[in-house]
Amino acid sequence: MFLRALGLAAVAASVFAGSALAHHSFAIFDQTKVLNHTGTVKDFELINPHAWLHVAIIDAAGKSATWSFEGGSVAQLVGLGWTREGLRVGDKVQVSYRPMKDGSRGGQIMSVTQADGKKICSNRGCG
C-alpha cells in the first residue's frame, strides 16, 4: 500500500512539474536596456500570473499605438504599493521598461511614474 501511494505521489509530482517548467522566462526581454515611454493608460490588469499595463503611445509621426507591458504577480506588485485603482484608464504615465528583443511594442515593467510624480516600482527593479 505504501509503495502504491508513493508511486501515485511520484506520478502527480511529475505531472505538476511539467506545468511549472512551462512557465516562460523573461528571456524575451532585453535585460541590457531600460527605455522610457510616455502615454495614456488604456487598461491595467492586476491579475495572476502576471499583471499587464496597456498604454496608448504616440510616435514621432503622431500615430497612436497600443503598447503592452508585463509586470510581476499580484502579490509581488501589491507588496510594492500597486493597487487596482492606482492606474486608471485615461491616466497619463511614463513607463520605464526592458524592451522586447524582437522589437515589438511592449516590454517588462520596471516602474511607472504617474502624472503627479508618484513612482511605483516593479518586482524587477525600479529602472
N, C-alpha and C. Protein backbone atom coordinates (compact mmCIF):
# COMPACT_ATOMS: atom_id res chain seq x y z
N MET A 1 0.82 -1.19 0.00
CA MET A 1 0.00 0.00 0.00
C MET A 1 0.86 1.25 0.00
N PHE A 2 1.91 1.24 0.85
CA PHE A 2 2.80 2.38 0.93
C PHE A 2 3.48 2.65 -0.42
N LEU A 3 3.95 1.59 -1.08
CA LEU A 3 4.62 1.75 -2.37
C LEU A 3 3.65 2.28 -3.43
N ARG A 4 2.42 1.85 -3.37
CA ARG A 4 1.42 2.33 -4.33
C ARG A 4 1.18 3.84 -4.13
N ALA A 5 1.04 4.26 -2.87
CA ALA A 5 0.84 5.68 -2.57
C ALA A 5 2.07 6.50 -3.00
N LEU A 6 3.23 5.95 -2.76
CA LEU A 6 4.47 6.62 -3.17
C LEU A 6 4.54 6.75 -4.68
N GLY A 7 4.14 5.70 -5.38
CA GLY A 7 4.12 5.73 -6.84
C GLY A 7 3.15 6.77 -7.37
N LEU A 8 1.97 6.84 -6.80
CA LEU A 8 0.98 7.85 -7.20
C LEU A 8 1.50 9.26 -6.94
N ALA A 9 2.16 9.45 -5.81
CA ALA A 9 2.73 10.75 -5.48
C ALA A 9 3.81 11.15 -6.49
N ALA A 10 4.62 10.20 -6.90
CA ALA A 10 5.67 10.47 -7.90
C ALA A 10 5.06 10.85 -9.24
N VAL A 11 4.01 10.15 -9.65
CA VAL A 11 3.33 10.48 -10.91
C VAL A 11 2.73 11.88 -10.83
N ALA A 12 2.06 12.20 -9.73
CA ALA A 12 1.45 13.53 -9.56
C ALA A 12 2.52 14.61 -9.59
N ALA A 13 3.63 14.38 -8.92
CA ALA A 13 4.71 15.37 -8.90
C ALA A 13 5.26 15.61 -10.29
N SER A 14 5.40 14.57 -11.09
CA SER A 14 5.95 14.74 -12.44
C SER A 14 4.96 15.48 -13.34
N VAL A 15 3.67 15.28 -13.14
CA VAL A 15 2.66 15.99 -13.93
C VAL A 15 2.69 17.48 -13.61
N PHE A 16 2.74 17.82 -12.32
CA PHE A 16 2.75 19.23 -11.94
C PHE A 16 4.08 19.90 -12.25
N ALA A 17 5.15 19.16 -12.25
CA ALA A 17 6.46 19.72 -12.60
C ALA A 17 6.48 20.18 -14.05
N GLY A 18 5.77 19.49 -14.91
CA GLY A 18 5.70 19.88 -16.32
C GLY A 18 5.10 21.24 -16.50
N SER A 19 4.02 21.57 -15.77
CA SER A 19 3.42 22.89 -15.91
C SER A 19 4.31 23.96 -15.29
N ALA A 20 5.05 23.64 -14.26
CA ALA A 20 5.98 24.61 -13.69
C ALA A 20 7.09 24.93 -14.68
N LEU A 21 7.57 23.92 -15.38
CA LEU A 21 8.62 24.15 -16.37
C LEU A 21 8.10 24.91 -17.58
N ALA A 22 6.81 24.84 -17.84
CA ALA A 22 6.23 25.53 -18.99
C ALA A 22 6.16 27.02 -18.78
N HIS A 23 6.27 27.49 -17.55
CA HIS A 23 6.21 28.92 -17.26
C HIS A 23 7.36 29.62 -17.98
N HIS A 24 7.04 30.68 -18.70
CA HIS A 24 8.08 31.32 -19.51
C HIS A 24 9.08 32.07 -18.66
N SER A 25 10.24 32.28 -19.20
CA SER A 25 11.25 33.08 -18.53
C SER A 25 11.14 34.50 -19.05
N PHE A 26 11.96 35.36 -18.54
CA PHE A 26 11.97 36.73 -19.02
C PHE A 26 13.04 36.93 -20.09
N ALA A 27 13.42 35.84 -20.75
CA ALA A 27 14.44 35.90 -21.80
C ALA A 27 13.95 36.66 -23.03
N ILE A 28 12.64 36.89 -23.15
CA ILE A 28 12.12 37.63 -24.31
C ILE A 28 12.39 39.12 -24.20
N PHE A 29 12.80 39.57 -23.01
CA PHE A 29 13.09 40.99 -22.80
C PHE A 29 14.59 41.23 -22.84
N ASP A 30 15.00 42.36 -23.39
CA ASP A 30 16.41 42.73 -23.44
C ASP A 30 16.83 43.25 -22.08
N GLN A 31 17.52 42.43 -21.31
CA GLN A 31 17.91 42.77 -19.95
C GLN A 31 19.06 43.79 -19.89
N THR A 32 19.60 44.18 -21.04
CA THR A 32 20.70 45.15 -21.07
C THR A 32 20.20 46.58 -21.25
N LYS A 33 18.90 46.77 -21.49
CA LYS A 33 18.36 48.11 -21.75
C LYS A 33 17.18 48.41 -20.86
N VAL A 34 17.06 49.68 -20.52
CA VAL A 34 15.85 50.19 -19.87
C VAL A 34 15.45 51.43 -20.66
N LEU A 35 14.25 51.41 -21.22
CA LEU A 35 13.73 52.52 -22.02
C LEU A 35 12.55 53.16 -21.32
N ASN A 36 12.15 54.34 -21.79
CA ASN A 36 11.02 55.06 -21.22
C ASN A 36 10.09 55.53 -22.32
N HIS A 37 8.80 55.43 -22.07
CA HIS A 37 7.79 55.97 -22.98
C HIS A 37 6.69 56.62 -22.13
N THR A 38 6.12 57.67 -22.67
CA THR A 38 5.02 58.35 -22.02
C THR A 38 3.76 58.13 -22.85
N GLY A 39 2.65 57.90 -22.17
CA GLY A 39 1.40 57.68 -22.88
C GLY A 39 0.21 57.72 -21.95
N THR A 40 -0.90 57.21 -22.45
CA THR A 40 -2.17 57.21 -21.72
C THR A 40 -2.61 55.78 -21.45
N VAL A 41 -2.98 55.49 -20.21
CA VAL A 41 -3.41 54.14 -19.84
C VAL A 41 -4.69 53.78 -20.59
N LYS A 42 -4.64 52.64 -21.28
CA LYS A 42 -5.82 52.08 -21.95
C LYS A 42 -6.47 51.00 -21.08
N ASP A 43 -5.63 50.25 -20.36
CA ASP A 43 -6.15 49.18 -19.50
C ASP A 43 -5.04 48.78 -18.53
N PHE A 44 -5.43 48.41 -17.32
CA PHE A 44 -4.50 47.88 -16.34
C PHE A 44 -5.11 46.62 -15.76
N GLU A 45 -4.42 45.50 -15.93
CA GLU A 45 -4.89 44.20 -15.47
C GLU A 45 -4.00 43.71 -14.33
N LEU A 46 -4.45 43.90 -13.12
CA LEU A 46 -3.71 43.41 -11.96
C LEU A 46 -4.23 42.00 -11.67
N ILE A 47 -3.73 41.04 -12.47
CA ILE A 47 -4.19 39.66 -12.44
C ILE A 47 -2.99 38.71 -12.41
N ASN A 48 -3.23 37.51 -11.93
CA ASN A 48 -2.18 36.47 -11.98
C ASN A 48 -2.29 35.70 -13.27
N PRO A 49 -1.23 35.16 -13.80
CA PRO A 49 0.08 35.08 -13.18
C PRO A 49 0.92 36.35 -13.30
N HIS A 50 0.60 37.24 -14.25
CA HIS A 50 1.37 38.48 -14.41
C HIS A 50 0.43 39.63 -14.72
N ALA A 51 0.70 40.77 -14.12
CA ALA A 51 -0.07 41.98 -14.39
C ALA A 51 0.29 42.51 -15.78
N TRP A 52 -0.66 43.24 -16.39
CA TRP A 52 -0.43 43.85 -17.70
C TRP A 52 -0.89 45.29 -17.68
N LEU A 53 -0.07 46.17 -18.24
CA LEU A 53 -0.40 47.57 -18.41
C LEU A 53 -0.39 47.87 -19.90
N HIS A 54 -1.52 48.33 -20.43
CA HIS A 54 -1.65 48.66 -21.85
C HIS A 54 -1.73 50.18 -21.97
N VAL A 55 -0.83 50.75 -22.76
CA VAL A 55 -0.69 52.20 -22.85
C VAL A 55 -0.74 52.64 -24.31
N ALA A 56 -1.51 53.69 -24.58
CA ALA A 56 -1.54 54.30 -25.91
C ALA A 56 -0.38 55.28 -25.98
N ILE A 57 0.52 55.03 -26.92
CA ILE A 57 1.72 55.86 -27.08
C ILE A 57 1.72 56.45 -28.48
N ILE A 58 1.99 57.75 -28.55
CA ILE A 58 2.02 58.44 -29.84
C ILE A 58 3.47 58.51 -30.32
N ASP A 59 3.71 58.04 -31.55
CA ASP A 59 5.07 58.03 -32.10
C ASP A 59 5.43 59.39 -32.70
N ALA A 60 6.64 59.49 -33.23
CA ALA A 60 7.15 60.74 -33.79
C ALA A 60 6.30 61.27 -34.95
N ALA A 61 5.62 60.38 -35.65
CA ALA A 61 4.77 60.78 -36.78
C ALA A 61 3.36 61.17 -36.32
N GLY A 62 3.09 61.09 -35.01
CA GLY A 62 1.79 61.45 -34.48
C GLY A 62 0.77 60.33 -34.49
N LYS A 63 1.22 59.12 -34.79
CA LYS A 63 0.32 57.96 -34.85
C LYS A 63 0.31 57.25 -33.48
N SER A 64 -0.90 56.92 -33.01
CA SER A 64 -1.06 56.25 -31.72
C SER A 64 -1.03 54.73 -31.92
N ALA A 65 -0.38 54.05 -30.99
CA ALA A 65 -0.35 52.58 -30.99
C ALA A 65 -0.40 52.10 -29.55
N THR A 66 -1.00 50.95 -29.34
CA THR A 66 -1.07 50.37 -28.01
C THR A 66 0.18 49.54 -27.75
N TRP A 67 0.81 49.82 -26.62
CA TRP A 67 1.96 49.06 -26.15
C TRP A 67 1.51 48.28 -24.93
N SER A 68 2.01 47.05 -24.76
CA SER A 68 1.64 46.21 -23.63
C SER A 68 2.88 45.86 -22.82
N PHE A 69 2.79 46.14 -21.53
CA PHE A 69 3.92 45.93 -20.63
C PHE A 69 3.54 44.90 -19.57
N GLU A 70 4.41 43.92 -19.38
CA GLU A 70 4.17 42.83 -18.43
C GLU A 70 4.83 43.13 -17.10
N GLY A 71 4.07 42.89 -16.03
CA GLY A 71 4.60 43.07 -14.68
C GLY A 71 4.68 41.75 -13.95
N GLY A 72 4.91 41.83 -12.68
CA GLY A 72 5.00 40.64 -11.85
C GLY A 72 3.63 40.14 -11.42
N SER A 73 3.63 39.29 -10.41
CA SER A 73 2.38 38.74 -9.89
C SER A 73 1.67 39.78 -9.03
N VAL A 74 0.40 39.53 -8.78
CA VAL A 74 -0.39 40.44 -7.94
C VAL A 74 0.26 40.59 -6.56
N ALA A 75 0.63 39.48 -5.94
CA ALA A 75 1.22 39.53 -4.59
C ALA A 75 2.50 40.36 -4.58
N GLN A 76 3.36 40.18 -5.58
CA GLN A 76 4.60 40.95 -5.63
C GLN A 76 4.32 42.44 -5.79
N LEU A 77 3.44 42.79 -6.71
CA LEU A 77 3.18 44.20 -7.00
C LEU A 77 2.41 44.89 -5.89
N VAL A 78 1.42 44.22 -5.31
CA VAL A 78 0.67 44.80 -4.19
C VAL A 78 1.62 45.08 -3.03
N GLY A 79 2.57 44.19 -2.79
CA GLY A 79 3.56 44.39 -1.75
C GLY A 79 4.44 45.61 -1.98
N LEU A 80 4.50 46.06 -3.24
CA LEU A 80 5.30 47.24 -3.60
C LEU A 80 4.44 48.50 -3.73
N GLY A 81 3.14 48.38 -3.41
CA GLY A 81 2.28 49.55 -3.41
C GLY A 81 1.32 49.68 -4.59
N TRP A 82 1.29 48.71 -5.49
CA TRP A 82 0.37 48.76 -6.62
C TRP A 82 -1.04 48.43 -6.13
N THR A 83 -2.05 49.09 -6.74
CA THR A 83 -3.45 48.80 -6.44
C THR A 83 -4.23 48.78 -7.75
N ARG A 84 -5.39 48.13 -7.73
CA ARG A 84 -6.25 48.09 -8.92
C ARG A 84 -6.68 49.50 -9.34
N GLU A 85 -6.88 50.37 -8.37
CA GLU A 85 -7.34 51.73 -8.65
C GLU A 85 -6.18 52.69 -8.93
N GLY A 86 -4.96 52.23 -8.76
CA GLY A 86 -3.79 53.10 -8.89
C GLY A 86 -3.52 53.59 -10.30
N LEU A 87 -3.88 52.81 -11.31
CA LEU A 87 -3.70 53.19 -12.71
C LEU A 87 -5.05 53.07 -13.40
N ARG A 88 -5.62 54.21 -13.74
CA ARG A 88 -6.96 54.23 -14.35
C ARG A 88 -6.89 54.57 -15.82
N VAL A 89 -7.86 54.08 -16.56
CA VAL A 89 -7.97 54.40 -17.98
C VAL A 89 -7.98 55.92 -18.13
N GLY A 90 -7.14 56.42 -19.03
CA GLY A 90 -7.03 57.85 -19.27
C GLY A 90 -5.91 58.54 -18.52
N ASP A 91 -5.32 57.87 -17.52
CA ASP A 91 -4.20 58.46 -16.77
C ASP A 91 -2.98 58.61 -17.67
N LYS A 92 -2.28 59.72 -17.53
CA LYS A 92 -1.00 59.92 -18.22
C LYS A 92 0.09 59.29 -17.37
N VAL A 93 0.94 58.48 -17.99
CA VAL A 93 2.00 57.79 -17.26
C VAL A 93 3.29 57.76 -18.09
N GLN A 94 4.39 57.61 -17.38
CA GLN A 94 5.66 57.30 -18.03
C GLN A 94 6.05 55.90 -17.58
N VAL A 95 6.29 55.03 -18.54
CA VAL A 95 6.65 53.64 -18.24
C VAL A 95 8.14 53.46 -18.50
N SER A 96 8.84 52.94 -17.51
CA SER A 96 10.23 52.55 -17.65
C SER A 96 10.21 51.04 -17.80
N TYR A 97 10.85 50.52 -18.85
CA TYR A 97 10.70 49.10 -19.16
C TYR A 97 11.93 48.52 -19.86
N ARG A 98 12.03 47.20 -19.80
CA ARG A 98 13.01 46.46 -20.59
C ARG A 98 12.29 46.05 -21.87
N PRO A 99 12.82 46.45 -23.04
CA PRO A 99 12.11 46.21 -24.31
C PRO A 99 12.12 44.75 -24.74
N MET A 100 11.18 44.43 -25.62
CA MET A 100 11.13 43.11 -26.24
C MET A 100 12.34 42.95 -27.15
N LYS A 101 12.96 41.79 -27.13
CA LYS A 101 14.11 41.54 -28.01
C LYS A 101 13.74 41.59 -29.48
N ASP A 102 12.49 41.23 -29.81
CA ASP A 102 12.09 41.22 -31.22
C ASP A 102 11.62 42.58 -31.73
N GLY A 103 11.67 43.60 -30.86
CA GLY A 103 11.30 44.95 -31.28
C GLY A 103 9.81 45.25 -31.26
N SER A 104 8.99 44.30 -30.84
CA SER A 104 7.54 44.55 -30.81
C SER A 104 7.20 45.55 -29.70
N ARG A 105 5.99 46.10 -29.77
CA ARG A 105 5.56 47.18 -28.88
C ARG A 105 5.22 46.64 -27.48
N GLY A 106 6.19 46.71 -26.60
CA GLY A 106 5.96 46.29 -25.23
C GLY A 106 7.25 45.94 -24.53
N GLY A 107 7.10 45.41 -23.33
CA GLY A 107 8.28 45.04 -22.57
C GLY A 107 7.92 44.65 -21.14
N GLN A 108 8.95 44.60 -20.34
CA GLN A 108 8.85 44.21 -18.93
C GLN A 108 8.88 45.48 -18.08
N ILE A 109 7.83 45.71 -17.31
CA ILE A 109 7.74 46.92 -16.49
C ILE A 109 8.86 46.95 -15.45
N MET A 110 9.53 48.10 -15.39
CA MET A 110 10.48 48.36 -14.31
C MET A 110 9.85 49.33 -13.31
N SER A 111 9.20 50.38 -13.83
CA SER A 111 8.49 51.33 -12.97
C SER A 111 7.48 52.11 -13.80
N VAL A 112 6.54 52.72 -13.10
CA VAL A 112 5.56 53.60 -13.73
C VAL A 112 5.52 54.88 -12.92
N THR A 113 5.67 56.01 -13.62
CA THR A 113 5.57 57.31 -12.97
C THR A 113 4.26 57.95 -13.39
N GLN A 114 3.46 58.30 -12.41
CA GLN A 114 2.16 58.90 -12.67
C GLN A 114 2.28 60.40 -12.88
N ALA A 115 1.21 61.02 -13.35
CA ALA A 115 1.21 62.45 -13.67
C ALA A 115 1.57 63.31 -12.46
N ASP A 116 1.22 62.85 -11.26
CA ASP A 116 1.52 63.62 -10.05
C ASP A 116 2.95 63.41 -9.55
N GLY A 117 3.74 62.61 -10.30
CA GLY A 117 5.13 62.36 -9.94
C GLY A 117 5.35 61.11 -9.11
N LYS A 118 4.27 60.48 -8.65
CA LYS A 118 4.41 59.26 -7.85
C LYS A 118 4.96 58.14 -8.73
N LYS A 119 6.01 57.48 -8.25
CA LYS A 119 6.66 56.40 -8.99
C LYS A 119 6.42 55.10 -8.25
N ILE A 120 5.89 54.10 -8.99
CA ILE A 120 5.71 52.78 -8.40
C ILE A 120 6.65 51.82 -9.13
N CYS A 121 7.38 51.07 -8.34
CA CYS A 121 8.40 50.17 -8.88
C CYS A 121 7.85 48.76 -9.05
N SER A 122 8.50 48.00 -9.92
CA SER A 122 8.09 46.62 -10.11
C SER A 122 8.96 45.71 -9.24
N ASN A 123 8.63 44.43 -9.29
CA ASN A 123 9.41 43.44 -8.57
C ASN A 123 10.75 43.18 -9.24
N ARG A 124 10.96 43.71 -10.46
CA ARG A 124 12.20 43.50 -11.21
C ARG A 124 13.18 44.67 -11.06
N GLY A 125 12.84 45.64 -10.25
CA GLY A 125 13.70 46.79 -10.05
C GLY A 125 12.92 48.08 -10.20
N CYS A 126 13.63 49.17 -10.24
CA CYS A 126 12.95 50.46 -10.34
C CYS A 126 13.68 51.33 -11.36
N GLY A 127 13.81 50.81 -12.57
CA GLY A 127 14.56 51.49 -13.64
C GLY A 127 14.07 52.85 -13.97
